[in-house]
Amino acid sequence: MEGSVYVLTNPAMPNMVKIGKTTRNVELRLADLYSTGVPLPFECKYAAKVKYVDKTEKAFHTAFPPNRVNPKREFL
């Protein structure tokens, strides 16, 4: 499935990035993430449209396992 993979930062979480995917517009995903549990909005540092969004996102996560904050979360 086509979609976008992205790398986000948040000033409330210095020295961390969030890697994720969406099949919608990245700006809509940023709006979703800015909820009551997050004090400041995320900023998109990188986004790319890809043909295989699930495989591409998984490759990103596989490339950085020792740096992940929690293996079940998308934060590095």
N, C-alpha and C. Protein backbone atom coordinates (compact mmCIF):
# COMPACT_ATOMS: atom_id res chain seq x y z
N MET A 1 0.84 -1.18 0.00
CA MET A 1 0.00 0.00 0.00
C MET A 1 0.89 1.24 0.00
N GLU A 2 0.53 2.21 -0.78
CA GLU A 2 1.27 3.48 -0.83
C GLU A 2 0.95 4.33 0.38
N GLY A 3 1.90 5.18 0.75
CA GLY A 3 1.70 6.09 1.86
C GLY A 3 2.96 6.89 2.09
N SER A 4 3.09 7.45 3.27
CA SER A 4 4.27 8.24 3.61
C SER A 4 4.88 7.71 4.89
N VAL A 5 6.20 7.70 4.92
CA VAL A 5 6.93 7.47 6.17
C VAL A 5 7.45 8.82 6.60
N TYR A 6 7.59 9.00 7.92
CA TYR A 6 7.99 10.31 8.41
C TYR A 6 8.90 10.19 9.62
N VAL A 7 9.64 11.26 9.86
CA VAL A 7 10.46 11.41 11.05
C VAL A 7 10.03 12.72 11.69
N LEU A 8 9.59 12.63 12.94
CA LEU A 8 9.08 13.80 13.65
C LEU A 8 9.93 14.09 14.88
N THR A 9 9.95 15.36 15.26
CA THR A 9 10.55 15.76 16.52
C THR A 9 9.52 16.54 17.31
N ASN A 10 9.82 16.71 18.59
CA ASN A 10 8.93 17.48 19.44
C ASN A 10 9.80 18.22 20.46
N PRO A 11 9.67 19.55 20.56
CA PRO A 11 10.49 20.31 21.50
C PRO A 11 10.33 19.86 22.95
N ALA A 12 9.21 19.22 23.27
CA ALA A 12 8.99 18.72 24.63
C ALA A 12 9.75 17.41 24.89
N MET A 13 10.27 16.81 23.82
CA MET A 13 11.02 15.55 23.93
C MET A 13 12.36 15.70 23.23
N PRO A 14 13.26 16.50 23.79
CA PRO A 14 14.54 16.73 23.13
C PRO A 14 15.33 15.42 22.97
N ASN A 15 16.10 15.38 21.91
CA ASN A 15 16.96 14.22 21.61
C ASN A 15 16.19 12.95 21.29
N MET A 16 14.93 13.09 20.91
CA MET A 16 14.12 11.95 20.48
C MET A 16 13.51 12.26 19.13
N VAL A 17 13.30 11.21 18.35
CA VAL A 17 12.53 11.34 17.11
C VAL A 17 11.46 10.25 17.10
N LYS A 18 10.42 10.51 16.37
CA LYS A 18 9.35 9.53 16.18
C LYS A 18 9.33 9.15 14.72
N ILE A 19 9.43 7.86 14.45
CA ILE A 19 9.36 7.35 13.08
C ILE A 19 8.01 6.67 12.94
N GLY A 20 7.30 7.01 11.88
CA GLY A 20 5.98 6.42 11.68
C GLY A 20 5.57 6.42 10.22
N LYS A 21 4.31 6.09 10.02
CA LYS A 21 3.75 5.99 8.67
C LYS A 21 2.32 6.47 8.67
N THR A 22 1.86 6.84 7.50
CA THR A 22 0.46 7.20 7.32
C THR A 22 0.08 7.00 5.87
N THR A 23 -1.17 6.70 5.64
CA THR A 23 -1.68 6.62 4.27
C THR A 23 -2.44 7.90 3.93
N ARG A 24 -2.48 8.82 4.90
CA ARG A 24 -3.13 10.11 4.68
C ARG A 24 -2.07 11.19 4.53
N ASN A 25 -2.48 12.40 4.51
CA ASN A 25 -1.58 13.53 4.46
C ASN A 25 -0.80 13.61 5.78
N VAL A 26 0.49 13.85 5.73
CA VAL A 26 1.32 13.92 6.93
C VAL A 26 0.84 15.03 7.87
N GLU A 27 0.37 16.13 7.32
CA GLU A 27 -0.14 17.22 8.17
C GLU A 27 -1.34 16.77 9.00
N LEU A 28 -2.18 15.92 8.44
CA LEU A 28 -3.31 15.39 9.21
C LEU A 28 -2.81 14.49 10.34
N ARG A 29 -1.77 13.72 10.06
CA ARG A 29 -1.19 12.86 11.10
C ARG A 29 -0.59 13.70 12.23
N LEU A 30 0.08 14.79 11.88
CA LEU A 30 0.62 15.69 12.90
C LEU A 30 -0.50 16.23 13.79
N ALA A 31 -1.61 16.59 13.19
CA ALA A 31 -2.75 17.09 13.96
C ALA A 31 -3.30 16.01 14.89
N ASP A 32 -3.35 14.76 14.42
CA ASP A 32 -3.80 13.65 15.26
C ASP A 32 -2.92 13.48 16.50
N LEU A 33 -1.63 13.64 16.31
CA LEU A 33 -0.68 13.40 17.40
C LEU A 33 -0.66 14.51 18.44
N TYR A 34 -1.14 15.68 18.08
CA TYR A 34 -1.15 16.79 19.02
C TYR A 34 -2.43 16.71 19.85
N SER A 35 -2.37 15.90 20.91
CA SER A 35 -3.54 15.67 21.75
C SER A 35 -3.26 16.16 23.17
N THR A 36 -4.16 15.89 24.07
CA THR A 36 -4.02 16.36 25.45
C THR A 36 -2.81 15.74 26.16
N GLY A 37 -2.31 14.62 25.67
CA GLY A 37 -1.16 13.97 26.28
C GLY A 37 0.17 14.50 25.80
N VAL A 38 0.17 15.44 24.87
CA VAL A 38 1.40 15.98 24.30
C VAL A 38 1.40 17.49 24.49
N PRO A 39 2.39 18.04 25.25
CA PRO A 39 2.35 19.47 25.56
C PRO A 39 2.62 20.40 24.37
N LEU A 40 3.39 19.94 23.40
CA LEU A 40 3.71 20.77 22.22
C LEU A 40 3.51 19.95 20.96
N PRO A 41 3.22 20.60 19.84
CA PRO A 41 3.00 19.85 18.59
C PRO A 41 4.30 19.27 18.04
N PHE A 42 4.16 18.15 17.33
CA PHE A 42 5.29 17.55 16.63
C PHE A 42 5.64 18.39 15.41
N GLU A 43 6.90 18.29 15.00
CA GLU A 43 7.38 18.96 13.78
C GLU A 43 7.92 17.89 12.85
N CYS A 44 7.54 17.96 11.59
CA CYS A 44 8.01 16.99 10.60
C CYS A 44 9.38 17.40 10.10
N LYS A 45 10.36 16.53 10.31
CA LYS A 45 11.73 16.78 9.84
C LYS A 45 12.00 16.09 8.51
N TYR A 46 11.26 15.02 8.24
CA TYR A 46 11.43 14.28 6.99
C TYR A 46 10.15 13.52 6.70
N ALA A 47 9.74 13.52 5.45
CA ALA A 47 8.61 12.69 5.01
C ALA A 47 8.83 12.33 3.56
N ALA A 48 8.47 11.11 3.21
CA ALA A 48 8.61 10.66 1.83
C ALA A 48 7.45 9.76 1.48
N LYS A 49 6.94 9.95 0.28
CA LYS A 49 5.91 9.04 -0.23
C LYS A 49 6.63 7.79 -0.72
N VAL A 50 6.09 6.64 -0.36
CA VAL A 50 6.69 5.36 -0.74
C VAL A 50 5.61 4.42 -1.25
N LYS A 51 6.03 3.46 -2.04
CA LYS A 51 5.08 2.51 -2.61
C LYS A 51 4.62 1.49 -1.58
N TYR A 52 5.55 1.03 -0.73
CA TYR A 52 5.25 0.01 0.26
C TYR A 52 5.47 0.59 1.66
N VAL A 53 4.46 1.27 2.17
CA VAL A 53 4.61 2.02 3.42
C VAL A 53 4.89 1.11 4.62
N ASP A 54 4.24 -0.03 4.70
CA ASP A 54 4.46 -0.92 5.84
C ASP A 54 5.89 -1.47 5.85
N LYS A 55 6.36 -1.94 4.71
CA LYS A 55 7.72 -2.49 4.62
C LYS A 55 8.77 -1.40 4.88
N THR A 56 8.53 -0.22 4.36
CA THR A 56 9.49 0.87 4.53
C THR A 56 9.58 1.30 5.99
N GLU A 57 8.44 1.45 6.65
CA GLU A 57 8.47 1.82 8.06
C GLU A 57 9.16 0.74 8.88
N LYS A 58 8.88 -0.51 8.59
CA LYS A 58 9.51 -1.61 9.32
C LYS A 58 11.03 -1.57 9.13
N ALA A 59 11.48 -1.26 7.92
CA ALA A 59 12.92 -1.17 7.66
C ALA A 59 13.56 -0.06 8.50
N PHE A 60 12.88 1.06 8.64
CA PHE A 60 13.38 2.15 9.49
C PHE A 60 13.55 1.66 10.93
N HIS A 61 12.52 0.99 11.45
CA HIS A 61 12.56 0.53 12.84
C HIS A 61 13.62 -0.56 13.03
N THR A 62 13.78 -1.43 12.04
CA THR A 62 14.78 -2.49 12.11
C THR A 62 16.20 -1.92 12.11
N ALA A 63 16.39 -0.81 11.43
CA ALA A 63 17.72 -0.20 11.32
C ALA A 63 18.19 0.43 12.63
N PHE A 64 17.29 0.74 13.54
CA PHE A 64 17.66 1.49 14.75
C PHE A 64 17.31 0.78 16.06
N PRO A 65 17.32 -0.54 16.16
CA PRO A 65 16.84 -1.18 17.39
C PRO A 65 17.60 -0.79 18.66
N PRO A 66 18.92 -0.61 18.65
CA PRO A 66 19.57 -0.28 19.92
C PRO A 66 19.25 1.13 20.41
N ASN A 67 18.73 1.97 19.56
CA ASN A 67 18.44 3.35 19.93
C ASN A 67 17.00 3.58 20.34
N ARG A 68 16.16 2.56 20.23
CA ARG A 68 14.74 2.75 20.53
C ARG A 68 14.51 2.89 22.03
N VAL A 69 13.69 3.83 22.41
CA VAL A 69 13.36 4.07 23.81
C VAL A 69 12.61 2.87 24.38
N ASN A 70 11.69 2.34 23.59
CA ASN A 70 10.87 1.20 23.99
C ASN A 70 10.62 0.40 22.71
N PRO A 71 10.92 -0.89 22.70
CA PRO A 71 10.76 -1.67 21.47
C PRO A 71 9.35 -1.70 20.91
N LYS A 72 8.37 -1.35 21.74
CA LYS A 72 6.98 -1.37 21.27
C LYS A 72 6.50 0.02 20.86
N ARG A 73 7.38 1.00 20.89
CA ARG A 73 7.01 2.37 20.53
C ARG A 73 7.85 2.85 19.36
N GLU A 74 7.41 3.93 18.74
CA GLU A 74 8.07 4.46 17.54
C GLU A 74 9.09 5.54 17.84
N PHE A 75 9.62 5.58 19.04
CA PHE A 75 10.54 6.66 19.41
C PHE A 75 11.97 6.18 19.48
N LEU A 76 12.87 7.00 18.96
CA LEU A 76 14.31 6.74 19.04
C LEU A 76 14.95 7.87 19.81
